Amino acid sequence: MGRPMCSVVIPTHNCLTYLKFALNSVRLQEMDDLEILIVDDGSSDGTWDWLSGVAREDARVRPLRLEGEGPASARNHALAQARAPFAAFLDADDLWWPQKLARQLAYHRQNPDTAFSFTDYLHVDVHGGVRGTCFDFWRPDFADRADPAYKVVQNAELALLGCNATGTSTVVASVKALQNANGFAKCASAEDWLLWLTLARGGAVACSSAVTMSYLMRPGSETRNVEARLSAMKSIVEPYGRLEQADARRAVRQARARISVAEAEMARGRGRYWRAAGFHLAAALATPSVRTVRACVADAAAGLRQRAPAQVS
């Protein structure tokens, strides 16, 4: 096989059931000039044996192996082996929609200065229930939701700081740009957001409002992982807080408001409704929105109901 056009990077850890569907969604792209780099990161569910068999049948599949180093290291390991000028990322429990990759790569070939591109995506629960799209929820200013064509994101670094709506499984990036950015940082969490900001600092970013993949919302995320991500996000935002420009201050307010919303959701999940209301109030004061105000009121009402029995007794 000659040099491929795109290296598809799939990290996986004990996700064999979903991985089979993810790989099929790559095959449905109907592109031959791909290499599919699947990194088995210390799985114990038979993933490596299955991958070895798949690779014998499909020359595009290149199994790689690590021992539980995490998704950032797994992706970097694949990128170090990549032979294509472009890389596309897909998590093992996500699904690409047909034609996703061909259209995105066509844009990159026509716009070679693009560091990376991304699209909208659909949230789906484990029962197949549709939970709306990322852009429907966050409504980013930079997304033209009336036109699915790829468009350059203006002032991309600050735009993505203010609204991190970049789903990793939607991204296609220049391998050269990824190498210049040193790939995914080996931090506790939010390494994807940090990389998109770094890439945006050094090159053009394009966005399409087309929905091109399904993101599986799997339950069971450990609280400490949520806390690690929130801590990492705060660390990423902190240096931008020193900037004096009005657009930077606005982006920082937006980012901090979204972190407050995430903290509110974590507090609500623990049944700490008054704390959740406080975080939602902070988010609403930073960047007012009807949805955040409603969430604040709902949390306060839940807090009152929680206290009611003690008051009656």
Foldseek 3Di string as FASTA:
>chain_A
DDQAAEEEAEEDAQLVVLLVQAVVLVVLLVDDRYAYEYEHAQHDNCVVVVQVVVCVVRVSYDYHYHHNLDDQVSRLVSLVVHRHQKYAYDYSNKHWDHNLVVLQSVVCVVPVQAFKEFEKAWEAEPVRDTDGILCVVQVQPQEPLVFQDKDWRPVPLLSCLLPVSGDRNGMMGGSVLCVVLVGFDSALDPSVSVSSNSSVVPTIYIYGHDHTMYDYDYDDDDPVSLVRHLVVSCVSLVVLVVDDDPSSVLSSLSNQLVSLQSVLVSCVVVVNLQSSLVSLVSSCVSPNDPVSNVSSVVSVVSVCVVCVVVVVD
